[in-house]
Amino acid sequence: MSVAELPIDIDQAAVAQFCVKRGIRRLSLFGSVVRSDFDKDRSDLDVFAEFEQGALARIGLGYFDFGNELSAILGRKVDFCSRLQAHVRPLAEREMVVIYERP
């Protein structure tokens, strides 16, 4: 699936600005938004961030606001994470759709 095929609108410029400011090198969606079980009225967005080396060391507690900030940009509740449990990661990686990648 590509970004254009997602059932939500994404402001690519706002997402890119968010990522650059926070040292995110790649931001991906996974979960129901990339599958047929997405509900436009109730589903949240599962977002996986991969940070530039050392970026998390300078972010501190601001990390915990990232989900709310992305919710404002994407227009729905966001479950934001940068780590996945070992047994979940391979499943999530198979369906991830990259919505930002550092050039």
PDB file of N, CA and C in Angstrom:
ATOM      1  N   MET A   1       0.840  -1.178   0.000  1.00  0.00           N
ATOM      2  CA  MET A   1       0.000   0.000   0.000  1.00  0.00           C
ATOM      3  C   MET A   1       0.886   1.243   0.000  1.00  0.00           C
ATOM      4  N   SER A   2       0.442   2.270  -0.694  1.00  0.00           N
ATOM      5  CA  SER A   2       1.166   3.534  -0.736  1.00  0.00           C
ATOM      6  C   SER A   2       0.430   4.571   0.103  1.00  0.00           C
ATOM      7  N   VAL A   3       1.068   5.707   0.341  1.00  0.00           N
ATOM      8  CA  VAL A   3       0.450   6.789   1.103  1.00  0.00           C
ATOM      9  C   VAL A   3      -0.838   7.237   0.417  1.00  0.00           C
ATOM     10  N   ALA A   4      -0.827   7.301  -0.899  1.00  0.00           N
ATOM     11  CA  ALA A   4      -2.011   7.748  -1.647  1.00  0.00           C
ATOM     12  C   ALA A   4      -3.199   6.814  -1.463  1.00  0.00           C
ATOM     13  N   GLU A   5      -2.957   5.547  -1.151  1.00  0.00           N
ATOM     14  CA  GLU A   5      -4.027   4.565  -0.985  1.00  0.00           C
ATOM     15  C   GLU A   5      -4.586   4.501   0.431  1.00  0.00           C
ATOM     16  N   LEU A   6      -3.983   5.208   1.359  1.00  0.00           N
ATOM     17  CA  LEU A   6      -4.452   5.190   2.744  1.00  0.00           C
ATOM     18  C   LEU A   6      -5.844   5.815   2.843  1.00  0.00           C
ATOM     19  N   PRO A   7      -6.673   5.347   3.774  1.00  0.00           N
ATOM     20  CA  PRO A   7      -8.033   5.871   3.914  1.00  0.00           C
ATOM     21  C   PRO A   7      -8.114   7.187   4.695  1.00  0.00           C
ATOM     22  N   ILE A   8      -6.989   7.849   4.886  1.00  0.00           N
ATOM     23  CA  ILE A   8      -6.940   9.137   5.583  1.00  0.00           C
ATOM     24  C   ILE A   8      -6.136  10.117   4.746  1.00  0.00           C
ATOM     25  N   ASP A   9      -6.376  11.404   4.969  1.00  0.00           N
ATOM     26  CA  ASP A   9      -5.586  12.443   4.325  1.00  0.00           C
ATOM     27  C   ASP A   9      -4.395  12.771   5.210  1.00  0.00           C
ATOM     28  N   ILE A  10      -3.245  12.942   4.581  1.00  0.00           N
ATOM     29  CA  ILE A  10      -2.030  13.253   5.330  1.00  0.00           C
ATOM     30  C   ILE A  10      -1.421  14.533   4.772  1.00  0.00           C
ATOM     31  N   ASP A  11      -1.199  15.495   5.646  1.00  0.00           N
ATOM     32  CA  ASP A  11      -0.513  16.730   5.280  1.00  0.00           C
ATOM     33  C   ASP A  11       0.985  16.422   5.331  1.00  0.00           C
ATOM     34  N   GLN A  12       1.536  16.045   4.193  1.00  0.00           N
ATOM     35  CA  GLN A  12       2.930  15.605   4.119  1.00  0.00           C
ATOM     36  C   GLN A  12       3.901  16.668   4.629  1.00  0.00           C
ATOM     37  N   ALA A  13       3.629  17.936   4.332  1.00  0.00           N
ATOM     38  CA  ALA A  13       4.523  19.003   4.773  1.00  0.00           C
ATOM     39  C   ALA A  13       4.522  19.134   6.293  1.00  0.00           C
ATOM     40  N   ALA A  14       3.354  19.046   6.909  1.00  0.00           N
ATOM     41  CA  ALA A  14       3.265  19.141   8.372  1.00  0.00           C
ATOM     42  C   ALA A  14       3.933  17.939   9.042  1.00  0.00           C
ATOM     43  N   VAL A  15       3.753  16.758   8.464  1.00  0.00           N
ATOM     44  CA  VAL A  15       4.395  15.558   9.000  1.00  0.00           C
ATOM     45  C   VAL A  15       5.914  15.683   8.882  1.00  0.00           C
ATOM     46  N   ALA A  16       6.392  16.140   7.742  1.00  0.00           N
ATOM     47  CA  ALA A  16       7.834  16.308   7.544  1.00  0.00           C
ATOM     48  C   ALA A  16       8.409  17.308   8.545  1.00  0.00           C
ATOM     49  N   GLN A  17       7.720  18.416   8.752  1.00  0.00           N
ATOM     50  CA  GLN A  17       8.180  19.426   9.701  1.00  0.00           C
ATOM     51  C   GLN A  17       8.238  18.841  11.115  1.00  0.00           C
ATOM     52  N   PHE A  18       7.208  18.096  11.492  1.00  0.00           N
ATOM     53  CA  PHE A  18       7.179  17.436  12.796  1.00  0.00           C
ATOM     54  C   PHE A  18       8.394  16.518  12.951  1.00  0.00           C
ATOM     55  N   CYS A  19       8.665  15.712  11.948  1.00  0.00           N
ATOM     56  CA  CYS A  19       9.755  14.733  12.019  1.00  0.00           C
ATOM     57  C   CYS A  19      11.126  15.394  12.063  1.00  0.00           C
ATOM     58  N   VAL A  20      11.346  16.367  11.218  1.00  0.00           N
ATOM     59  CA  VAL A  20      12.641  17.046  11.181  1.00  0.00           C
ATOM     60  C   VAL A  20      12.943  17.698  12.529  1.00  0.00           C
ATOM     61  N   LYS A  21      11.960  18.367  13.089  1.00  0.00           N
ATOM     62  CA  LYS A  21      12.135  19.072  14.358  1.00  0.00           C
ATOM     63  C   LYS A  21      12.486  18.125  15.503  1.00  0.00           C
ATOM     64  N   ARG A  22      12.033  16.868  15.413  1.00  0.00           N
ATOM     65  CA  ARG A  22      12.219  15.921  16.510  1.00  0.00           C
ATOM     66  C   ARG A  22      13.285  14.856  16.240  1.00  0.00           C
ATOM     67  N   GLY A  23      13.951  14.943  15.119  1.00  0.00           N
ATOM     68  CA  GLY A  23      15.009  13.980  14.817  1.00  0.00           C
ATOM     69  C   GLY A  23      14.501  12.616  14.399  1.00  0.00           C
ATOM     70  N   ILE A  24      13.319  12.570  13.803  1.00  0.00           N
ATOM     71  CA  ILE A  24      12.762  11.300  13.318  1.00  0.00           C
ATOM     72  C   ILE A  24      13.227  11.100  11.884  1.00  0.00           C
ATOM     73  N   ARG A  25      13.869   9.976  11.624  1.00  0.00           N
ATOM     74  CA  ARG A  25      14.358   9.722  10.266  1.00  0.00           C
ATOM     75  C   ARG A  25      13.346   8.985   9.405  1.00  0.00           C
ATOM     76  N   ARG A  26      12.450   8.221  10.038  1.00  0.00           N
ATOM     77  CA  ARG A  26      11.389   7.519   9.305  1.00  0.00           C
ATOM     78  C   ARG A  26      10.174   7.394  10.208  1.00  0.00           C
ATOM     79  N   LEU A  27       9.003   7.681   9.616  1.00  0.00           N
ATOM     80  CA  LEU A  27       7.747   7.583  10.342  1.00  0.00           C
ATOM     81  C   LEU A  27       6.805   6.719   9.515  1.00  0.00           C
ATOM     82  N   SER A  28       6.250   5.684  10.146  1.00  0.00           N
ATOM     83  CA  SER A  28       5.411   4.724   9.431  1.00  0.00           C
ATOM     84  C   SER A  28       4.094   4.501  10.149  1.00  0.00           C
ATOM     85  N   LEU A  29       3.088   4.149   9.371  1.00  0.00           N
ATOM     86  CA  LEU A  29       1.801   3.723   9.901  1.00  0.00           C
ATOM     87  C   LEU A  29       1.705   2.211   9.786  1.00  0.00           C
ATOM     88  N   PHE A  30       1.015   1.593  10.729  1.00  0.00           N
ATOM     89  CA  PHE A  30       0.743   0.162  10.649  1.00  0.00           C
ATOM     90  C   PHE A  30      -0.573  -0.083  11.362  1.00  0.00           C
ATOM     91  N   GLY A  31      -1.023  -1.291  11.388  1.00  0.00           N
ATOM     92  CA  GLY A  31      -2.283  -1.606  12.056  1.00  0.00           C
ATOM     93  C   GLY A  31      -3.470  -1.452  11.130  1.00  0.00           C
ATOM     94  N   SER A  32      -4.617  -1.174  11.712  1.00  0.00           N
ATOM     95  CA  SER A  32      -5.864  -1.187  10.929  1.00  0.00           C
ATOM     96  C   SER A  32      -5.879  -0.179   9.790  1.00  0.00           C
ATOM     97  N   VAL A  33      -5.184   0.941   9.917  1.00  0.00           N
ATOM     98  CA  VAL A  33      -5.208   1.953   8.848  1.00  0.00           C
ATOM     99  C   VAL A  33      -4.655   1.425   7.527  1.00  0.00           C
ATOM    100  N   VAL A  34      -3.857   0.380   7.573  1.00  0.00           N
ATOM    101  CA  VAL A  34      -3.309  -0.199   6.340  1.00  0.00           C
ATOM    102  C   VAL A  34      -4.008  -1.508   5.967  1.00  0.00           C
ATOM    103  N   ARG A  35      -5.056  -1.835   6.715  1.00  0.00           N
ATOM    104  CA  ARG A  35      -5.803  -3.064   6.448  1.00  0.00           C
ATOM    105  C   ARG A  35      -7.271  -2.744   6.194  1.00  0.00           C
ATOM    106  N   SER A  36      -8.022  -3.750   5.864  1.00  0.00           N
ATOM    107  CA  SER A  36      -9.444  -3.560   5.553  1.00  0.00           C
ATOM    108  C   SER A  36     -10.311  -3.357   6.798  1.00  0.00           C
ATOM    109  N   ASP A  37      -9.769  -3.569   7.998  1.00  0.00           N
ATOM    110  CA  ASP A  37     -10.584  -3.417   9.199  1.00  0.00           C
ATOM    111  C   ASP A  37     -10.548  -1.996   9.785  1.00  0.00           C
ATOM    112  N   PHE A  38     -10.049  -1.029   9.030  1.00  0.00           N
ATOM    113  CA  PHE A  38     -10.011   0.360   9.477  1.00  0.00           C
ATOM    114  C   PHE A  38     -11.419   0.935   9.508  1.00  0.00           C
ATOM    115  N   ASP A  39     -11.779   1.583  10.619  1.00  0.00           N
ATOM    116  CA  ASP A  39     -13.080   2.224  10.775  1.00  0.00           C
ATOM    117  C   ASP A  39     -12.850   3.732  10.833  1.00  0.00           C
ATOM    118  N   LYS A  40     -13.305   4.451   9.810  1.00  0.00           N
ATOM    119  CA  LYS A  40     -13.057   5.895   9.727  1.00  0.00           C
ATOM    120  C   LYS A  40     -13.602   6.659  10.927  1.00  0.00           C
ATOM    121  N   ASP A  41     -14.602   6.125  11.594  1.00  0.00           N
ATOM    122  CA  ASP A  41     -15.203   6.820  12.732  1.00  0.00           C
ATOM    123  C   ASP A  41     -14.555   6.482  14.073  1.00  0.00           C
ATOM    124  N   ARG A  42     -13.931   5.306  14.182  1.00  0.00           N
ATOM    125  CA  ARG A  42     -13.452   4.872  15.499  1.00  0.00           C
ATOM    126  C   ARG A  42     -11.988   4.468  15.581  1.00  0.00           C
ATOM    127  N   SER A  43     -11.367   4.101  14.485  1.00  0.00           N
ATOM    128  CA  SER A  43      -9.995   3.588  14.560  1.00  0.00           C
ATOM    129  C   SER A  43      -8.983   4.690  14.848  1.00  0.00           C
ATOM    130  N   ASP A  44      -7.993   4.329  15.651  1.00  0.00           N
ATOM    131  CA  ASP A  44      -6.877   5.237  15.869  1.00  0.00           C
ATOM    132  C   ASP A  44      -5.780   4.904  14.862  1.00  0.00           C
ATOM    133  N   LEU A  45      -4.670   5.599  14.957  1.00  0.00           N
ATOM    134  CA  LEU A  45      -3.543   5.351  14.068  1.00  0.00           C
ATOM    135  C   LEU A  45      -2.370   4.827  14.879  1.00  0.00           C
ATOM    136  N   ASP A  46      -1.821   3.707  14.448  1.00  0.00           N
ATOM    137  CA  ASP A  46      -0.615   3.157  15.057  1.00  0.00           C
ATOM    138  C   ASP A  46       0.569   3.710  14.267  1.00  0.00           C
ATOM    139  N   VAL A  47       1.437   4.430  14.965  1.00  0.00           N
ATOM    140  CA  VAL A  47       2.550   5.128  14.321  1.00  0.00           C
ATOM    141  C   VAL A  47       3.856   4.643  14.936  1.00  0.00           C
ATOM    142  N   PHE A  48       4.798   4.301  14.056  1.00  0.00           N
ATOM    143  CA  PHE A  48       6.107   3.828  14.494  1.00  0.00           C
ATOM    144  C   PHE A  48       7.163   4.816  14.006  1.00  0.00           C
ATOM    145  N   ALA A  49       7.971   5.326  14.941  1.00  0.00           N
ATOM    146  CA  ALA A  49       9.020   6.295  14.620  1.00  0.00           C
ATOM    147  C   ALA A  49      10.391   5.674  14.784  1.00  0.00           C
ATOM    148  N   GLU A  50      11.240   5.951  13.823  1.00  0.00           N
ATOM    149  CA  GLU A  50      12.651   5.574  13.908  1.00  0.00           C
ATOM    150  C   GLU A  50      13.446   6.869  13.978  1.00  0.00           C
ATOM    151  N   PHE A  51      14.196   7.047  15.053  1.00  0.00           N
ATOM    152  CA  PHE A  51      14.907   8.291  15.319  1.00  0.00           C
ATOM    153  C   PHE A  51      16.330   8.260  14.801  1.00  0.00           C
ATOM    154  N   GLU A  52      16.836   9.455  14.498  1.00  0.00           N
ATOM    155  CA  GLU A  52      18.245   9.603  14.164  1.00  0.00           C
ATOM    156  C   GLU A  52      19.058   9.231  15.399  1.00  0.00           C
ATOM    157  N   GLN A  53      20.261   8.747  15.175  1.00  0.00           N
ATOM    158  CA  GLN A  53      21.109   8.354  16.297  1.00  0.00           C
ATOM    159  C   GLN A  53      21.310   9.545  17.236  1.00  0.00           C
ATOM    160  N   GLY A  54      21.072   9.330  18.512  1.00  0.00           N
ATOM    161  CA  GLY A  54      21.254  10.347  19.536  1.00  0.00           C
ATOM    162  C   GLY A  54      20.080  11.296  19.720  1.00  0.00           C
ATOM    163  N   ALA A  55      19.084  11.249  18.850  1.00  0.00           N
ATOM    164  CA  ALA A  55      17.956  12.192  18.931  1.00  0.00           C
ATOM    165  C   ALA A  55      17.163  12.028  20.224  1.00  0.00           C
ATOM    166  N   LEU A  56      16.959  10.815  20.661  1.00  0.00           N
ATOM    167  CA  LEU A  56      16.164  10.599  21.875  1.00  0.00           C
ATOM    168  C   LEU A  56      16.854  11.128  23.125  1.00  0.00           C
ATOM    169  N   ALA A  57      18.166  11.206  23.095  1.00  0.00           N
ATOM    170  CA  ALA A  57      18.903  11.690  24.263  1.00  0.00           C
ATOM    171  C   ALA A  57      18.605  13.163  24.532  1.00  0.00           C
ATOM    172  N   ARG A  58      18.258  13.918  23.495  1.00  0.00           N
ATOM    173  CA  ARG A  58      18.007  15.350  23.684  1.00  0.00           C
ATOM    174  C   ARG A  58      16.519  15.693  23.768  1.00  0.00           C
ATOM    175  N   ILE A  59      15.647  14.701  23.643  1.00  0.00           N
ATOM    176  CA  ILE A  59      14.207  14.960  23.633  1.00  0.00           C
ATOM    177  C   ILE A  59      13.623  14.989  25.039  1.00  0.00           C
ATOM    178  N   GLY A  60      14.037  14.081  25.879  1.00  0.00           N
ATOM    179  CA  GLY A  60      13.544  14.044  27.246  1.00  0.00           C
ATOM    180  C   GLY A  60      12.063  13.704  27.333  1.00  0.00           C
ATOM    181  N   LEU A  61      11.380  14.329  28.269  1.00  0.00           N
ATOM    182  CA  LEU A  61       9.975  14.025  28.519  1.00  0.00           C
ATOM    183  C   LEU A  61       9.056  14.505  27.397  1.00  0.00           C
ATOM    184  N   GLY A  62       9.545  15.346  26.504  1.00  0.00           N
ATOM    185  CA  GLY A  62       8.756  15.790  25.359  1.00  0.00           C
ATOM    186  C   GLY A  62       8.289  14.643  24.493  1.00  0.00           C
ATOM    187  N   TYR A  63       9.000  13.521  24.577  1.00  0.00           N
ATOM    188  CA  TYR A  63       8.628  12.316  23.819  1.00  0.00           C
ATOM    189  C   TYR A  63       7.170  11.944  24.061  1.00  0.00           C
ATOM    190  N   PHE A  64       6.720  12.130  25.277  1.00  0.00           N
ATOM    191  CA  PHE A  64       5.374  11.696  25.642  1.00  0.00           C
ATOM    192  C   PHE A  64       4.275  12.579  25.052  1.00  0.00           C
ATOM    193  N   ASP A  65       4.634  13.708  24.489  1.00  0.00           N
ATOM    194  CA  ASP A  65       3.663  14.577  23.812  1.00  0.00           C
ATOM    195  C   ASP A  65       3.566  14.289  22.315  1.00  0.00           C
ATOM    196  N   PHE A  66       4.471  13.503  21.784  1.00  0.00           N
ATOM    197  CA  PHE A  66       4.514  13.295  20.335  1.00  0.00           C
ATOM    198  C   PHE A  66       3.204  12.727  19.780  1.00  0.00           C
ATOM    199  N   GLY A  67       2.598  11.806  20.489  1.00  0.00           N
ATOM    200  CA  GLY A  67       1.334  11.232  20.028  1.00  0.00           C
ATOM    201  C   GLY A  67       0.246  12.285  19.916  1.00  0.00           C
ATOM    202  N   ASN A  68       0.164  13.173  20.911  1.00  0.00           N
ATOM    203  CA  ASN A  68      -0.833  14.243  20.872  1.00  0.00           C
ATOM    204  C   ASN A  68      -0.553  15.228  19.750  1.00  0.00           C
ATOM    205  N   GLU A  69       0.715  15.544  19.532  1.00  0.00           N
ATOM    206  CA  GLU A  69       1.080  16.463  18.458  1.00  0.00           C
ATOM    207  C   GLU A  69       0.730  15.873  17.095  1.00  0.00           C
ATOM    208  N   LEU A  70       1.022  14.596  16.925  1.00  0.00           N
ATOM    209  CA  LEU A  70       0.672  13.942  15.655  1.00  0.00           C
ATOM    210  C   LEU A  70      -0.837  13.814  15.500  1.00  0.00           C
ATOM    211  N   SER A  71      -1.550  13.624  16.586  1.00  0.00           N
ATOM    212  CA  SER A  71      -3.015  13.577  16.525  1.00  0.00           C
ATOM    213  C   SER A  71      -3.561  14.871  15.932  1.00  0.00           C
ATOM    214  N   ALA A  72      -2.999  15.986  16.341  1.00  0.00           N
ATOM    215  CA  ALA A  72      -3.440  17.284  15.818  1.00  0.00           C
ATOM    216  C   ALA A  72      -3.138  17.402  14.327  1.00  0.00           C
ATOM    217  N   ILE A  73      -2.031  16.863  13.887  1.00  0.00           N
ATOM    218  CA  ILE A  73      -1.645  16.930  12.470  1.00  0.00           C
ATOM    219  C   ILE A  73      -2.489  15.976  11.634  1.00  0.00           C
ATOM    220  N   LEU A  74      -2.704  14.758  12.141  1.00  0.00           N
ATOM    221  CA  LEU A  74      -3.369  13.714  11.354  1.00  0.00           C
ATOM    222  C   LEU A  74      -4.885  13.666  11.560  1.00  0.00           C
ATOM    223  N   GLY A  75      -5.381  14.371  12.547  1.00  0.00           N
ATOM    224  CA  GLY A  75      -6.815  14.480  12.729  1.00  0.00           C
ATOM    225  C   GLY A  75      -7.503  13.306  13.388  1.00  0.00           C
ATOM    226  N   ARG A  76      -6.756  12.483  14.088  1.00  0.00           N
ATOM    227  CA  ARG A  76      -7.352  11.386  14.866  1.00  0.00           C
ATOM    228  C   ARG A  76      -6.354  10.924  15.914  1.00  0.00           C
ATOM    229  N   LYS A  77      -6.838  10.159  16.885  1.00  0.00           N
ATOM    230  CA  LYS A  77      -5.984   9.665  17.975  1.00  0.00           C
ATOM    231  C   LYS A  77      -4.821   8.855  17.398  1.00  0.00           C
ATOM    232  N   VAL A  78      -3.651   9.047  17.995  1.00  0.00           N
ATOM    233  CA  VAL A  78      -2.434   8.360  17.554  1.00  0.00           C
ATOM    234  C   VAL A  78      -1.863   7.556  18.714  1.00  0.00           C
ATOM    235  N   ASP A  79      -1.516   6.305  18.433  1.00  0.00           N
ATOM    236  CA  ASP A  79      -0.704   5.500  19.344  1.00  0.00           C
ATOM    237  C   ASP A  79       0.712   5.557  18.796  1.00  0.00           C
ATOM    238  N   PHE A  80       1.584   6.308  19.473  1.00  0.00           N
ATOM    239  CA  PHE A  80       2.937   6.588  19.003  1.00  0.00           C
ATOM    240  C   PHE A  80       3.921   5.673  19.710  1.00  0.00           C
ATOM    241  N   CYS A  81       4.807   5.051  18.948  1.00  0.00           N
ATOM    242  CA  CYS A  81       5.841   4.214  19.568  1.00  0.00           C
ATOM    243  C   CYS A  81       7.124   4.268  18.748  1.00  0.00           C
ATOM    244  N   SER A  82       8.214   3.931  19.415  1.00  0.00           N
ATOM    245  CA  SER A  82       9.504   3.843  18.733  1.00  0.00           C
ATOM    246  C   SER A  82      10.191   2.506  19.022  1.00  0.00           C
ATOM    247  N   ARG A  83       9.483   1.656  19.741  1.00  0.00           N
ATOM    248  CA  ARG A  83       9.953   0.281  19.990  1.00  0.00           C
ATOM    249  C   ARG A  83       8.754  -0.636  19.933  1.00  0.00           C
ATOM    250  N   LEU A  84       8.989  -1.821  19.413  1.00  0.00           N
ATOM    251  CA  LEU A  84       7.947  -2.845  19.370  1.00  0.00           C
ATOM    252  C   LEU A  84       8.494  -4.107  20.004  1.00  0.00           C
ATOM    253  N   GLN A  85       7.653  -4.850  20.676  1.00  0.00           N
ATOM    254  CA  GLN A  85       8.084  -6.114  21.267  1.00  0.00           C
ATOM    255  C   GLN A  85       8.586  -7.038  20.154  1.00  0.00           C
ATOM    256  N   ALA A  86       9.534  -7.881  20.511  1.00  0.00           N
ATOM    257  CA  ALA A  86      10.189  -8.746  19.523  1.00  0.00           C
ATOM    258  C   ALA A  86       9.206  -9.607  18.740  1.00  0.00           C
ATOM    259  N   HIS A  87       8.164 -10.098  19.375  1.00  0.00           N
ATOM    260  CA  HIS A  87       7.226 -10.965  18.664  1.00  0.00           C
ATOM    261  C   HIS A  87       6.236 -10.166  17.807  1.00  0.00           C
ATOM    262  N   VAL A  88       6.084  -8.868  18.072  1.00  0.00           N
ATOM    263  CA  VAL A  88       5.162  -8.026  17.308  1.00  0.00           C
ATOM    264  C   VAL A  88       5.857  -7.356  16.119  1.00  0.00           C
ATOM    265  N   ARG A  89       7.113  -7.041  16.282  1.00  0.00           N
ATOM    266  CA  ARG A  89       7.836  -6.253  15.268  1.00  0.00           C
ATOM    267  C   ARG A  89       7.780  -6.849  13.864  1.00  0.00           C
ATOM    268  N   PRO A  90       8.065  -8.129  13.664  1.00  0.00           N
ATOM    269  CA  PRO A  90       8.022  -8.663  12.293  1.00  0.00           C
ATOM    270  C   PRO A  90       6.644  -8.530  11.643  1.00  0.00           C
ATOM    271  N   LEU A  91       5.589  -8.708  12.425  1.00  0.00           N
ATOM    272  CA  LEU A  91       4.234  -8.573  11.901  1.00  0.00           C
ATOM    273  C   LEU A  91       3.952  -7.132  11.503  1.00  0.00           C
ATOM    274  N   ALA A  92       4.325  -6.201  12.357  1.00  0.00           N
ATOM    275  CA  ALA A  92       4.100  -4.785  12.077  1.00  0.00           C
ATOM    276  C   ALA A  92       4.924  -4.321  10.882  1.00  0.00           C
ATOM    277  N   GLU A  93       6.174  -4.762  10.794  1.00  0.00           N
ATOM    278  CA  GLU A  93       7.044  -4.330   9.696  1.00  0.00           C
ATOM    279  C   GLU A  93       6.519  -4.772   8.333  1.00  0.00           C
ATOM    280  N   ARG A  94       5.843  -5.904   8.285  1.00  0.00           N
ATOM    281  CA  ARG A  94       5.305  -6.386   7.005  1.00  0.00           C
ATOM    282  C   ARG A  94       4.229  -5.478   6.447  1.00  0.00           C
ATOM    283  N   GLU A  95       3.521  -4.776   7.317  1.00  0.00           N
ATOM    284  CA  GLU A  95       2.420  -3.952   6.843  1.00  0.00           C
ATOM    285  C   GLU A  95       2.696  -2.448   6.917  1.00  0.00           C
ATOM    286  N   MET A  96       3.847  -2.041   7.403  1.00  0.00           N
ATOM    287  CA  MET A  96       4.131  -0.615   7.573  1.00  0.00           C
ATOM    288  C   MET A  96       4.118   0.141   6.248  1.00  0.00           C
ATOM    289  N   VAL A  97       3.535   1.337   6.316  1.00  0.00           N
ATOM    290  CA  VAL A  97       3.551   2.269   5.195  1.00  0.00           C
ATOM    291  C   VAL A  97       4.300   3.509   5.670  1.00  0.00           C
ATOM    292  N   VAL A  98       5.402   3.814   5.016  1.00  0.00           N
ATOM    293  CA  VAL A  98       6.228   4.958   5.394  1.00  0.00           C
ATOM    294  C   VAL A  98       5.532   6.239   4.936  1.00  0.00           C
ATOM    295  N   ILE A  99       5.320   7.163   5.898  1.00  0.00           N
ATOM    296  CA  ILE A  99       4.705   8.438   5.538  1.00  0.00           C
ATOM    297  C   ILE A  99       5.718   9.592   5.571  1.00  0.00           C
ATOM    298  N   TYR A 100       6.902   9.337   6.125  1.00  0.00           N
ATOM    299  CA  TYR A 100       8.004  10.300   6.076  1.00  0.00           C
ATOM    300  C   TYR A 100       9.308   9.518   6.127  1.00  0.00           C
ATOM    301  N   GLU A 101      10.248   9.933   5.307  1.00  0.00           N
ATOM    302  CA  GLU A 101      11.593   9.370   5.378  1.00  0.00           C
ATOM    303  C   GLU A 101      12.575  10.492   5.083  1.00  0.00           C
ATOM    304  N   ARG A 102      13.543  10.642   5.963  1.00  0.00           N
ATOM    305  CA  ARG A 102      14.551  11.696   5.804  1.00  0.00           C
ATOM    306  C   ARG A 102      15.251  11.511   4.458  1.00  0.00           C
ATOM    307  N   PRO A 103      15.335  12.595   3.712  1.00  0.00           N
ATOM    308  CA  PRO A 103      16.017  12.492   2.389  1.00  0.00           C
ATOM    309  C   PRO A 103      17.493  12.243   2.510  1.00  0.00           C
TER     310      PRO A 103
END
